[in-house]
């Protein structure tokens, strides 16, 4: 099985569906142990999935956003933690290729490393700044030295940290107080992963702390100066709601199967024949449809838009994330109402889905920021 050999979107989704079934079998144990899905990530690397967003000029498939979110959603139907983890890697490469904010030689180098199996994620959050989308200045510092930079600080929520080969780290430059991103390889002296991840949601993401103790990087690893101007629209972040939609679909599938099989002796036949159960299943399907139309529509619009039009899509992208994430929470809740108290059993996947979808409220952009953005959009367009 290899994603690079498949010729169509549907073929790659079918291949991912087969992998996702394996992920589902492993998900419970990973969640119970709070361990990391090493096998899942290895499967994604070995099948070529992690190279799909690499530009074609450097050996990747350069897939579009719509295909990415469909594939990510399919992963999440098996294991949400695996989907969210690898989604950052996939989306970052897509974004760097679209925005062209890095100098080409260092981007080419990174792509070559990814083709050979490397993984990357950003390390932006810090204990005192909270989410980087709130605008807090990093306390991690970058000090200029001969031939490069010395980076010192602590980053939180470094998702997929057990297997990352590269980190994109934001730091405040001592001399200028400007903020910049630095590309730091895992084997850099002074770089340590401190295992701090103890969340009850998405336990398998390995989102530990990244410790940087006077880490030296060469000059060309200052890859991007971060502007204080308004942030650009980021279509790739739709991998986040795609993850939660996938989890919601897994909950829907479980609830339907349970309802087909469960037949208490107080009724004749399975509970799926009951009007109140069908009412809830209808509500779930409606919310799935709403999510798909919003998410897929936003992704397809991004794919056909030019750079100028994409910059006008910030409100739409935020609205898609807010809508799909909150609908996913409602879908899992309805599935649990169908299954009843059994859904709270530790061995039942619904309780894991319930915990995992809640995490979506804390992924960027947060609901309050999206609503403020939508208010400004409405005012400016009316």
Protein backbone atom coordinates (compact mmCIF):
# COMPACT_ATOMS: atom_id res chain seq x y z
CA UNK A 1 0.00 0.00 0.00
CA UNK A 2 1.42 3.35 -1.06
CA UNK A 3 -0.32 6.71 -1.40
CA UNK A 4 2.14 7.86 -4.05
CA UNK A 5 1.05 5.05 -6.37
CA UNK A 6 -2.65 5.92 -6.16
CA UNK A 7 -3.88 8.12 -9.00
CA UNK A 8 -7.12 9.63 -7.67
CA UNK A 9 -8.48 11.23 -4.52
CA UNK A 10 -10.97 8.38 -4.04
CA UNK A 11 -8.23 5.77 -4.34
CA UNK A 12 -6.19 7.50 -1.66
CA UNK A 13 -9.25 7.86 0.61
CA UNK A 14 -9.94 4.13 0.21
CA UNK A 15 -6.35 3.33 1.11
CA UNK A 16 -6.58 5.60 4.17
CA UNK A 17 -9.84 3.94 5.18
CA UNK A 18 -8.01 0.61 5.36
CA UNK A 19 -5.28 2.14 7.51
CA UNK A 20 -7.87 3.84 9.72
CA UNK A 21 -9.41 0.49 10.59
CA UNK A 22 -6.03 -0.54 12.03
CA UNK A 23 -5.82 2.72 13.96
CA UNK A 24 -9.23 2.06 15.50
CA UNK A 25 -8.06 -1.29 16.84
CA UNK A 26 -5.13 0.39 18.60
CA UNK A 27 -6.94 3.51 19.83
CA UNK A 28 -8.34 2.20 23.12
CA UNK A 29 -5.01 0.93 24.43
CA UNK A 30 -3.22 4.13 23.46
CA UNK A 31 -5.88 6.16 25.26
CA UNK A 32 -5.83 4.00 28.41
CA UNK A 33 -2.05 4.10 28.66
CA UNK A 34 -1.69 7.72 27.57
CA UNK A 35 0.98 6.44 25.21
CA UNK A 36 1.94 7.60 21.73
CA UNK A 37 0.67 5.93 18.50
CA UNK A 38 4.11 5.01 17.17
CA UNK A 39 2.70 2.25 14.93
CA UNK A 40 0.15 4.57 13.37
CA UNK A 41 2.70 7.24 12.57
CA UNK A 42 5.06 4.58 11.20
CA UNK A 43 2.26 3.29 8.95
CA UNK A 44 1.62 6.81 7.63
CA UNK A 45 5.31 7.32 6.90
CA UNK A 46 5.83 3.90 5.31
CA UNK A 47 2.89 4.37 2.94
CA UNK A 48 4.13 7.76 1.75
CA UNK A 49 1.28 9.71 3.31
CA UNK A 50 3.53 12.19 5.10
CA UNK A 51 4.98 13.35 1.76
CA UNK A 52 1.68 14.10 -0.01
CA UNK A 53 1.70 17.86 0.69
CA UNK A 54 5.34 18.27 -0.35
CA UNK A 55 5.40 20.28 -3.62
CA UNK A 56 5.74 18.25 -6.80
CA UNK A 57 8.99 20.02 -7.68
CA UNK A 58 10.56 18.31 -4.67
CA UNK A 59 9.04 14.86 -5.12
CA UNK A 60 5.65 15.12 -3.41
CA UNK A 61 2.10 15.01 -4.75
CA UNK A 62 1.23 18.61 -3.74
CA UNK A 63 -2.35 17.58 -2.96
CA UNK A 64 -5.04 20.22 -2.58
CA UNK A 65 -6.73 21.25 0.65
CA UNK A 66 -9.97 19.40 -0.09
CA UNK A 67 -8.13 16.11 -0.44
CA UNK A 68 -6.10 16.77 2.70
CA UNK A 69 -9.15 17.31 4.89
CA UNK A 70 -10.88 14.22 3.49
CA UNK A 71 -7.83 12.10 4.28
CA UNK A 72 -7.43 13.66 7.73
CA UNK A 73 -11.09 13.09 8.50
CA UNK A 74 -10.67 9.43 7.54
CA UNK A 75 -7.69 9.04 9.88
CA UNK A 76 -9.74 10.51 12.72
CA UNK A 77 -12.50 7.96 12.22
CA UNK A 78 -9.91 5.48 13.46
CA UNK A 79 -7.99 7.61 15.95
CA UNK A 80 -8.42 11.31 16.55
CA UNK A 81 -5.07 11.72 18.28
CA UNK A 82 -3.22 10.34 15.27
CA UNK A 83 -5.18 12.58 12.91
CA UNK A 84 -4.59 15.79 14.81
CA UNK A 85 -0.91 14.96 15.28
CA UNK A 86 -0.06 14.24 11.66
CA UNK A 87 -2.39 17.01 10.48
CA UNK A 88 0.01 19.66 11.77
CA UNK A 89 2.88 18.17 9.79
CA UNK A 90 0.81 17.88 6.61
CA UNK A 91 -0.68 21.34 6.90
CA UNK A 92 2.54 23.16 7.71
CA UNK A 93 4.21 21.91 4.53
CA UNK A 94 1.16 22.86 2.49
CA UNK A 95 1.12 26.32 4.05
CA UNK A 96 4.84 26.95 3.50
CA UNK A 97 4.47 26.03 -0.15
CA UNK A 98 1.44 28.29 -0.59
CA UNK A 99 2.77 31.33 1.27
CA UNK A 100 6.41 31.13 0.07
CA UNK A 101 7.60 32.99 3.18
CA UNK A 102 10.78 30.94 3.59
CA UNK A 103 13.86 31.27 1.44
CA UNK A 104 13.79 28.55 -1.17
CA UNK A 105 17.07 26.80 -0.26
CA UNK A 106 16.00 26.07 3.33
CA UNK A 107 12.50 25.05 2.23
CA UNK A 108 14.01 22.75 -0.40
CA UNK A 109 16.22 21.22 2.29
CA UNK A 110 13.21 20.64 4.56
CA UNK A 111 11.18 19.04 1.75
CA UNK A 112 14.04 16.70 0.93
CA UNK A 113 14.18 15.65 4.56
CA UNK A 114 10.43 14.99 4.61
CA UNK A 115 10.63 12.91 1.45
CA UNK A 116 13.16 10.81 3.37
CA UNK A 117 10.80 10.37 6.33
CA UNK A 118 11.27 13.41 8.58
CA UNK A 119 8.37 14.98 10.48
CA UNK A 120 7.84 18.62 11.51
CA UNK A 121 5.59 20.71 13.72
CA UNK A 122 5.50 24.19 15.17
CA UNK A 123 6.29 24.94 18.81
CA UNK A 124 4.59 28.25 19.52
CA UNK A 125 2.63 28.05 22.78
CA UNK A 126 4.25 28.94 26.10
CA UNK A 127 3.17 28.70 29.77
CA UNK A 128 2.72 32.47 30.18
CA UNK A 129 1.57 33.45 26.68
CA UNK A 130 -1.17 30.86 26.19
CA UNK A 131 -2.30 30.35 22.62
CA UNK A 132 -0.10 32.22 20.13
CA UNK A 133 -3.27 33.36 18.36
CA UNK A 134 -3.94 35.67 21.33
CA UNK A 135 -0.90 37.74 20.44
CA UNK A 136 1.34 37.13 23.43
CA UNK A 137 5.03 37.80 22.84
CA UNK A 138 7.22 34.69 23.25
CA UNK A 139 9.41 34.56 26.34
CA UNK A 140 11.66 32.19 24.42
CA UNK A 141 14.63 34.30 23.30
CA UNK A 142 17.00 34.33 20.35
CA UNK A 143 20.42 35.88 20.87
CA UNK A 144 22.67 36.67 17.93
CA UNK A 145 26.08 35.05 17.98
CA UNK A 146 28.84 34.36 15.50
CA UNK A 147 27.44 32.40 12.52
CA UNK A 148 23.98 31.99 14.00
CA UNK A 149 21.56 32.22 16.90
CA UNK A 150 21.24 30.84 20.42
CA UNK A 151 17.67 29.92 21.37
CA UNK A 152 16.53 29.53 25.00
CA UNK A 153 13.04 28.87 26.36
CA UNK A 154 10.19 26.44 26.99
CA UNK A 155 7.32 25.58 24.66
CA UNK A 156 4.10 23.79 25.62
CA UNK A 157 1.65 21.66 23.61
CA UNK A 158 4.35 20.43 21.24
CA UNK A 159 2.15 17.88 19.51
CA UNK A 160 3.80 14.71 18.13
CA UNK A 161 6.98 15.55 20.03
CA UNK A 162 8.07 11.89 20.51
CA UNK A 163 8.74 11.52 16.77
CA UNK A 164 9.40 15.02 15.45
CA UNK A 165 12.62 15.63 13.52
CA UNK A 166 12.21 19.40 13.17
CA UNK A 167 10.58 22.13 15.26
CA UNK A 168 9.51 25.59 14.07
CA UNK A 169 10.09 27.68 17.18
CA UNK A 170 8.94 31.26 17.73
CA UNK A 171 11.31 33.45 19.73
CA UNK A 172 11.82 37.09 20.60
CA UNK A 173 15.10 38.48 19.28
CA UNK A 174 16.96 40.10 22.17
CA UNK A 175 18.53 42.91 20.17
CA UNK A 176 15.40 44.13 18.39
CA UNK A 177 12.45 42.71 20.40
CA UNK A 178 11.07 41.45 17.07
CA UNK A 179 9.58 37.96 16.86
CA UNK A 180 10.85 35.34 14.42
CA UNK A 181 10.50 31.66 13.64
CA UNK A 182 13.54 29.39 13.76
CA UNK A 183 13.92 25.91 12.30
CA UNK A 184 15.51 23.67 14.92
CA UNK A 185 16.50 20.04 14.22
CA UNK A 186 15.78 17.48 16.93
CA UNK A 187 19.46 16.54 17.30
CA UNK A 188 20.40 20.11 18.29
CA UNK A 189 22.44 20.18 21.50
CA UNK A 190 20.37 21.50 24.42
CA UNK A 191 17.00 20.41 22.97
CA UNK A 192 15.03 18.18 25.35
CA UNK A 193 11.45 16.84 25.42
CA UNK A 194 9.93 16.91 28.91
CA UNK A 195 6.97 14.53 29.13
CA UNK A 196 4.26 16.72 30.63
CA UNK A 197 1.18 15.76 28.58
CA UNK A 198 -1.58 14.72 30.99
CA UNK A 199 -4.74 15.84 29.20
CA UNK A 200 -7.87 13.68 29.39
CA UNK A 201 -8.53 14.46 25.70
CA UNK A 202 -6.47 13.28 22.73
CA UNK A 203 -4.13 11.49 25.11
CA UNK A 204 -2.11 10.00 22.27
CA UNK A 205 -0.86 13.25 20.74
CA UNK A 206 2.32 13.38 22.82
CA UNK A 207 1.94 17.14 23.24
CA UNK A 208 4.79 17.48 25.72
CA UNK A 209 6.95 20.48 26.60
CA UNK A 210 9.93 21.40 24.45
CA UNK A 211 12.94 22.64 26.43
CA UNK A 212 15.54 24.75 24.60
CA UNK A 213 18.70 25.30 26.61
CA UNK A 214 21.05 27.57 24.64
CA UNK A 215 20.37 25.77 21.37
CA UNK A 216 22.57 26.96 18.52
CA UNK A 217 21.17 27.20 14.98
CA UNK A 218 22.90 28.66 11.91
CA UNK A 219 21.90 31.98 10.36
CA UNK A 220 19.75 30.50 7.61
CA UNK A 221 17.59 28.73 10.21
CA UNK A 222 15.97 32.05 11.04
CA UNK A 223 13.27 31.18 8.53
CA UNK A 224 10.66 33.88 8.99
CA UNK A 225 10.16 37.22 10.69
CA UNK A 226 6.67 37.44 12.14
CA UNK A 227 4.82 40.61 11.26
CA UNK A 228 2.68 42.40 13.82
CA UNK A 229 0.22 43.21 11.04
CA UNK A 230 -2.99 41.26 10.62
CA UNK A 231 -2.58 37.51 10.29
CA UNK A 232 -3.10 35.96 6.89
CA UNK A 233 -5.87 33.49 6.16
CA UNK A 234 -4.76 29.90 6.69
CA UNK A 235 -6.73 27.30 4.78
CA UNK A 236 -4.53 24.48 6.07
CA UNK A 237 -5.95 24.89 9.56
CA UNK A 238 -9.10 23.18 8.31
CA UNK A 239 -7.31 19.96 9.20
CA UNK A 240 -8.48 20.73 12.75
CA UNK A 241 -12.26 20.60 12.17
CA UNK A 242 -11.68 17.70 9.76
CA UNK A 243 -10.29 15.75 12.70
CA UNK A 244 -13.35 16.40 14.86
CA UNK A 245 -15.74 15.61 12.02
CA UNK A 246 -14.00 12.26 11.65
CA UNK A 247 -14.42 11.54 15.35
CA UNK A 248 -18.11 12.51 15.10
CA UNK A 249 -18.58 10.09 12.20
CA UNK A 250 -16.99 7.33 14.26
CA UNK A 251 -19.50 8.08 17.03
CA UNK A 252 -22.37 8.00 14.52
CA UNK A 253 -21.23 4.65 13.17
CA UNK A 254 -20.97 3.17 16.65
CA UNK A 255 -24.41 4.44 17.70
CA UNK A 256 -26.07 2.99 14.59
CA UNK A 257 -24.41 -0.40 15.04
CA UNK A 258 -25.36 -0.46 18.73
CA UNK A 259 -28.97 0.47 17.95
CA UNK A 260 -29.19 -2.31 15.34
CA UNK A 261 -27.97 -4.93 17.79
CA UNK A 262 -29.38 -3.86 21.19
CA UNK A 263 -32.77 -5.35 21.99
CA UNK A 264 -33.87 -5.13 25.64
CA UNK A 265 -36.63 -7.50 26.66
CA UNK A 266 -38.98 -4.57 27.27
CA UNK A 267 -39.52 -4.18 23.51
CA UNK A 268 -39.83 -6.35 20.42
CA UNK A 269 -36.87 -5.98 18.09
CA UNK A 270 -33.80 -3.68 18.29
CA UNK A 271 -33.98 -0.11 19.55
CA UNK A 272 -33.18 1.24 16.08
CA UNK A 273 -36.88 0.74 15.27
CA UNK A 274 -37.95 3.13 18.04
CA UNK A 275 -39.12 6.60 16.90
CA UNK A 276 -37.13 8.42 19.59
CA UNK A 277 -33.91 6.66 18.53
CA UNK A 278 -34.57 7.40 14.86
CA UNK A 279 -35.20 11.02 15.81
CA UNK A 280 -31.72 11.25 17.32
CA UNK A 281 -30.14 9.44 14.37
CA UNK A 282 -31.85 11.92 12.07
CA UNK A 283 -30.46 14.82 14.08
CA UNK A 284 -26.99 13.30 13.87
CA UNK A 285 -27.21 12.86 10.10
CA UNK A 286 -28.40 16.45 9.69
CA UNK A 287 -25.42 17.73 11.64
CA UNK A 288 -23.05 15.52 9.64
CA UNK A 289 -24.46 16.95 6.41
CA UNK A 290 -24.17 20.52 7.68
CA UNK A 291 -20.57 19.88 8.70
CA UNK A 292 -19.62 18.31 5.39
CA UNK A 293 -21.15 21.07 3.29
CA UNK A 294 -19.50 23.81 5.33
CA UNK A 295 -16.08 22.17 5.64
CA UNK A 296 -15.83 20.74 2.13
CA UNK A 297 -17.23 23.92 0.64
CA UNK A 298 -14.68 26.11 2.38
CA UNK A 299 -11.83 23.81 1.31
CA UNK A 300 -12.94 23.70 -2.32
CA UNK A 301 -13.32 27.49 -2.36
CA UNK A 302 -9.76 27.80 -1.07
CA UNK A 303 -8.46 25.47 -3.76
CA UNK A 304 -9.98 27.45 -6.64
CA UNK A 305 -9.14 30.92 -5.27
CA UNK A 306 -6.13 33.07 -6.05
CA UNK A 307 -3.97 34.60 -3.33
CA UNK A 308 -6.00 37.81 -3.21
CA UNK A 309 -9.31 36.00 -2.81
CA UNK A 310 -7.86 33.63 -0.23
CA UNK A 311 -6.96 36.58 1.98
CA UNK A 312 -10.65 37.44 2.11
CA UNK A 313 -11.60 34.01 3.44
CA UNK A 314 -10.48 34.40 7.06
CA UNK A 315 -14.02 34.78 8.40
CA UNK A 316 -15.27 31.83 6.35
CA UNK A 317 -12.46 29.56 7.52
CA UNK A 318 -13.02 30.49 11.15
CA UNK A 319 -16.75 29.95 10.78
CA UNK A 320 -16.16 26.51 9.30
CA UNK A 321 -13.97 25.52 12.24
CA UNK A 322 -16.42 26.87 14.83
CA UNK A 323 -19.43 25.24 13.18
CA UNK A 324 -17.92 21.81 12.55
CA UNK A 325 -16.26 21.53 15.96
CA UNK A 326 -19.40 22.46 17.87
CA UNK A 327 -21.55 20.20 15.72
CA UNK A 328 -19.12 17.34 16.39
CA UNK A 329 -19.61 17.82 20.13
CA UNK A 330 -23.39 17.75 19.65
CA UNK A 331 -23.17 14.62 17.47
CA UNK A 332 -21.18 12.67 20.05
CA UNK A 333 -23.61 13.78 22.75
CA UNK A 334 -26.57 12.49 20.71
CA UNK A 335 -24.76 9.19 20.07
CA UNK A 336 -24.24 8.79 23.82
CA UNK A 337 -27.94 9.47 24.47
CA UNK A 338 -28.80 6.63 22.08
CA UNK A 339 -26.41 4.18 23.71
CA UNK A 340 -27.24 5.30 27.25
CA UNK A 341 -25.21 4.61 30.38
CA UNK A 342 -23.08 2.04 28.55
CA UNK A 343 -21.47 4.94 26.69
CA UNK A 344 -19.77 5.98 29.93
CA UNK A 345 -18.01 2.64 30.34
CA UNK A 346 -14.24 2.93 30.11
CA UNK A 347 -14.25 0.22 27.46
CA UNK A 348 -16.75 2.06 25.28
CA UNK A 349 -15.28 4.26 22.52
CA UNK A 350 -17.98 6.91 22.91
CA UNK A 351 -16.50 8.18 26.16
CA UNK A 352 -13.18 8.65 24.36
CA UNK A 353 -14.88 10.43 21.47
CA UNK A 354 -16.67 12.66 23.99
CA UNK A 355 -13.40 13.69 25.63
CA UNK A 356 -11.57 14.10 22.32
CA UNK A 357 -14.08 16.36 20.54
CA UNK A 358 -14.10 18.76 23.49
CA UNK A 359 -10.47 19.51 22.73
CA UNK A 360 -11.56 21.17 19.51
CA UNK A 361 -12.82 24.17 21.45
CA UNK A 362 -9.24 24.93 22.44
CA UNK A 363 -7.66 24.59 19.00
CA UNK A 364 -7.22 27.76 16.94
CA UNK A 365 -9.11 29.83 16.15
CA UNK A 366 -11.10 29.88 19.37
CA UNK A 367 -14.84 30.55 19.17
CA UNK A 368 -14.76 34.02 20.70
CA UNK A 369 -12.09 35.20 18.27
CA UNK A 370 -14.04 33.80 15.34
CA UNK A 371 -17.22 35.56 16.43
CA UNK A 372 -15.35 38.87 16.74
CA UNK A 373 -13.95 38.31 13.25
CA UNK A 374 -17.41 37.54 11.90
CA UNK A 375 -18.79 40.69 13.50
CA UNK A 376 -16.13 42.80 11.78
CA UNK A 377 -16.78 41.00 8.52
CA UNK A 378 -20.50 41.70 8.81
CA UNK A 379 -20.00 45.37 9.67
CA UNK A 380 -17.55 45.93 6.81
CA UNK A 381 -19.75 44.22 4.24
CA UNK A 382 -23.09 45.83 5.09
